[in-house]
Protein backbone atom coordinates (compact mmCIF):
# COMPACT_ATOMS: atom_id res chain seq x y z
CA MET A 1 25.25 59.32 -55.37
CA ALA A 2 27.18 62.43 -56.79
CA ALA A 3 27.08 63.92 -53.37
CA LEU A 4 28.23 60.38 -52.17
CA THR A 5 31.29 60.84 -54.37
CA ALA A 6 32.09 64.73 -53.77
CA LEU A 7 32.29 63.02 -50.45
CA TYR A 8 33.98 60.11 -50.52
CA GLU A 9 36.77 62.13 -52.97
CA ALA A 10 36.94 64.89 -50.25
CA THR A 11 37.68 63.07 -47.50
CA ILE A 12 40.30 61.20 -49.45
CA ARG A 13 41.67 64.78 -50.16
CA LYS A 14 41.43 65.01 -46.82
CA LEU A 15 43.35 61.98 -45.66
CA ARG A 16 46.47 62.63 -48.09
CA ARG A 17 46.60 66.24 -47.07
CA THR A 18 46.50 65.07 -43.35
CA ASN A 19 48.97 61.81 -43.82
CA LYS A 20 51.19 64.16 -46.23
CA ARG A 21 51.36 66.73 -43.40
CA LYS A 22 52.14 63.46 -40.88
CA LEU A 23 54.77 62.10 -43.90
CA ALA A 24 56.42 65.56 -43.75
CA THR A 25 56.49 65.53 -40.02
CA VAL A 26 57.78 62.03 -39.67
CA THR A 27 60.24 62.76 -42.12
CA ARG A 28 61.71 65.78 -40.63
CA SER A 29 61.72 64.31 -37.50
CA PHE A 30 63.68 61.32 -38.98
CA GLU A 31 65.97 63.42 -41.18
CA ASP A 32 67.38 65.68 -37.63
CA LYS A 33 67.56 62.56 -36.10
CA LEU A 34 69.75 61.08 -38.77
CA ALA A 35 71.35 64.02 -38.63
CA THR A 36 72.18 63.82 -34.85
CA ALA A 37 73.17 60.19 -35.62
CA TYR A 38 75.27 60.81 -38.29
CA LYS A 39 77.34 64.08 -36.44
CA GLN A 40 77.90 61.56 -32.92
CA LEU A 41 79.21 58.97 -35.48
CA ASN A 42 81.04 61.26 -36.69
CA GLU A 43 82.67 63.19 -33.94
CA SER A 44 83.49 58.90 -32.64
CA ALA A 45 85.22 58.57 -35.61
CA GLN A 46 87.05 61.38 -35.12
CA THR A 47 87.75 60.09 -31.32
CA LEU A 48 88.75 57.14 -32.43
CA SER A 49 91.02 58.52 -34.41
CA ARG A 50 92.56 60.73 -31.98
CA ALA A 51 92.78 57.50 -29.55
CA GLN A 52 94.42 55.26 -32.20
CA SER A 53 97.27 57.99 -32.94
CA LYS A 54 98.08 58.35 -29.40
CA ALA A 55 98.27 54.86 -28.40
CA ASP A 56 100.86 54.70 -31.88
CA ASP A 57 102.66 57.53 -29.99
CA LEU A 58 102.52 55.72 -27.24
CA LYS A 59 103.52 52.55 -28.84
CA ARG A 60 106.90 53.98 -30.19
CA LEU A 61 107.70 55.71 -27.20
CA ALA A 62 107.45 52.28 -25.48
CA GLN A 63 109.54 51.05 -28.31
CA ARG A 64 111.88 53.87 -28.08
CA LEU A 65 112.29 53.41 -23.97
CA HIS A 66 112.90 49.34 -24.41
CA ASP A 67 115.93 50.02 -27.08
CA GLU A 68 117.23 52.55 -25.42
CA ASN A 69 117.27 50.14 -21.84
CA GLU A 70 118.68 47.80 -23.45
CA GLN A 71 121.54 49.96 -25.00
CA ARG A 72 121.81 50.83 -21.55
CA GLU A 73 121.77 47.15 -19.94
CA VAL A 74 125.18 46.52 -23.15
CA HIS A 75 126.80 49.41 -22.01
CA GLU A 76 126.55 48.75 -18.56
CA ARG A 77 127.89 45.05 -18.99
CA GLN A 78 130.92 46.66 -20.69
CA ALA A 79 131.50 48.72 -18.44
CA MET A 80 131.46 45.71 -15.61
CA LYS A 81 133.68 43.93 -18.14
CA ASP A 82 136.08 47.08 -18.32
CA MET A 83 135.81 47.79 -14.44
CA GLN A 84 136.61 43.88 -14.01
CA HIS A 85 139.69 44.17 -16.43
CA LEU A 86 140.78 47.66 -15.15
CA ALA A 87 140.91 45.73 -11.38
CA ALA A 88 142.61 43.19 -12.39
CA LYS A 89 145.35 44.99 -13.51
CA VAL A 90 145.50 46.95 -10.56
CA LEU A 91 145.47 43.94 -7.97
CA THR A 92 148.43 42.96 -10.69
CA LEU A 93 150.40 45.64 -10.04
CA HIS A 94 150.26 45.68 -6.14
CA SER A 95 150.95 41.88 -6.38
CA ASP A 96 154.18 42.87 -8.70
CA ALA A 97 155.61 45.33 -6.63
CA ASN A 98 154.69 43.28 -3.80
CA THR A 99 152.76 46.05 -1.82
CA ARG A 100 149.04 45.77 -0.24
CA LEU A 101 146.16 48.11 -1.18
CA ASP A 102 144.71 51.18 0.62
CA PRO A 103 142.11 49.92 3.14
CA SER A 104 139.27 51.34 1.31
CA THR A 105 140.24 49.85 -2.43
CA ALA A 106 140.32 46.64 -0.24
CA SER A 107 137.73 46.69 1.35
CA ILE A 108 135.96 47.53 -2.53
CA PHE A 109 137.96 44.33 -3.73
CA ALA A 110 137.05 42.12 -0.36
CA ARG A 111 133.42 43.03 -1.39
CA ARG A 112 133.60 41.54 -4.91
CA GLY A 113 135.33 38.70 -3.19
CA TRP A 114 138.89 39.22 -4.54
CA ASN A 115 141.83 38.41 -2.66
CA THR A 116 143.91 41.40 -1.91
CA GLU A 117 146.27 39.43 0.53
CA THR A 118 148.97 38.26 -2.07
CA GLY A 119 151.63 41.73 -1.12
CA ARG A 120 153.02 43.09 2.26
CA SER A 121 153.05 46.95 3.08
């Protein structure tokens, strides 16, 4: 019985050592995989952060361009109003002076639908 107990205890010790080695090997493998996964996750987070920053920059740029475009449109509308006002003054002056506009100026007014045939040369 003592021999059987000794054999049994030896087998248990051997199994424990083998299981400890297997457990250590599996643990190291999982730790390596975990470290790799953590590294990839960290890199992905950094990439996402850079992409978000770039997206924010592009959004700000798009808003600035939109604002500039609106401002340009306002300036163009004001310039058009100013040019219409000046054109009306030119026609009024020529009408008051009873003269005709030169042909190139008259053609510009005609393209815009303005009657320039009020004066005589």
